[in-house]
Protein backbone atom coordinates (compact mmCIF):
# COMPACT_ATOMS: atom_id res chain seq x y z
CA MET A 1 -11.52 2.89 20.44
CA GLU A 2 -14.69 4.23 18.89
CA THR A 3 -15.71 6.14 22.04
CA ASN A 4 -12.36 7.95 22.05
CA ARG A 5 -12.18 8.32 18.25
CA ILE A 6 -9.06 6.17 18.06
CA THR A 7 -8.49 4.47 14.73
CA ILE A 8 -5.25 2.56 15.39
CA SER A 9 -4.51 0.55 18.53
CA PHE A 10 -1.37 -1.48 19.29
CA SER A 11 -0.74 -4.43 21.58
CA GLY A 12 2.78 -5.74 21.92
CA HIS A 13 4.57 -9.05 22.34
CA SER A 14 1.99 -11.24 20.64
CA HIS A 15 4.12 -14.45 20.74
CA ASN A 16 3.80 -14.57 16.97
CA HIS A 17 6.53 -13.82 14.44
CA PHE A 18 4.21 -11.69 12.33
CA ALA A 19 1.93 -8.79 13.08
CA GLY A 20 -1.74 -9.61 13.55
CA PHE A 21 -4.57 -7.32 12.49
CA ALA A 22 -8.18 -7.10 13.62
CA TYR A 23 -10.62 -4.82 11.83
CA ARG A 24 -13.99 -3.86 13.32
CA ASN A 25 -15.83 -4.48 10.07
CA ALA A 26 -14.63 -8.10 10.06
CA GLY A 27 -16.82 -8.88 13.10
CA SER A 28 -15.60 -9.51 16.63
CA PHE A 29 -12.08 -8.21 17.22
CA LEU A 30 -11.13 -11.45 19.00
CA LYS A 31 -12.30 -13.60 16.10
CA ALA A 32 -10.89 -11.38 13.38
CA ILE A 33 -7.13 -11.61 13.95
CA HIS A 34 -5.30 -12.16 10.68
CA THR A 35 -1.53 -12.45 10.32
CA ILE A 36 0.35 -11.16 7.32
CA PRO A 37 3.93 -12.47 6.83
CA ASP A 38 5.41 -9.26 5.48
CA SER A 39 7.42 -6.40 6.94
CA SER A 40 5.44 -3.39 5.72
CA PHE A 41 1.67 -2.87 5.59
CA ASN A 42 -0.87 -0.24 4.70
CA LEU A 43 -3.29 -0.09 7.63
CA GLY A 44 -6.16 1.32 5.59
CA ASN A 45 -8.71 3.84 6.79
CA ASP A 46 -10.82 1.56 8.99
CA MET A 47 -10.46 1.17 12.75
CA VAL A 48 -7.77 -1.47 13.36
CA ALA A 49 -6.14 -3.22 16.33
CA VAL A 50 -2.58 -4.36 15.62
CA LEU A 51 -0.84 -7.12 17.59
CA LEU A 52 2.90 -6.68 17.27
CA PRO A 53 5.59 -9.38 17.33
CA PRO A 54 7.92 -9.57 20.34
CA LEU A 55 10.85 -7.23 20.79
CA SER A 56 12.85 -9.92 22.61
CA GLY A 57 12.63 -13.20 24.47
CA GLU A 58 11.00 -15.36 21.82
CA ARG A 59 12.44 -17.87 19.38
CA GLY A 60 12.31 -16.84 15.78
CA ARG A 61 12.17 -13.33 14.46
CA THR A 62 11.95 -10.47 16.92
CA GLY A 63 11.83 -6.83 16.03
CA PHE A 64 10.49 -3.35 16.59
CA SER A 65 7.86 -1.36 14.75
CA ILE A 66 7.57 2.04 13.11
CA VAL A 67 4.20 3.56 12.29
CA ASP A 68 3.74 6.42 9.85
CA THR A 69 0.42 7.88 10.99
CA ALA A 70 0.15 10.26 8.02
CA ALA A 71 0.51 7.45 5.46
CA ARG A 72 -1.13 4.88 7.82
CA ARG A 73 1.75 2.51 7.13
CA LEU A 74 3.30 0.08 9.60
CA THR A 75 6.85 -1.24 9.12
CA ILE A 76 8.41 -3.96 11.24
CA ILE A 77 12.19 -4.02 11.49
CA TYR A 78 13.15 -7.61 12.31
CA THR A 79 16.21 -7.94 14.54
CA GLY A 80 16.27 -11.67 15.34
CA LYS A 81 16.64 -14.71 13.11
């Protein structure tokens, strides 16, 4: 991400009902995954990797995501129960 000057990265179908976030300044990306049980988030100005909940095929809440790159805001629209 840093080599290519990318500040937001997404990975889908995390098998978790909530989005997970990993920030570079928190240490290792793999050890820095934090979930936030909400549907809308400010991503901040730091480099961040976002693990998105599943679109389908999982029990619990499924949904799709919308990112506003100008406001650096992520919204998850939950479609499952």
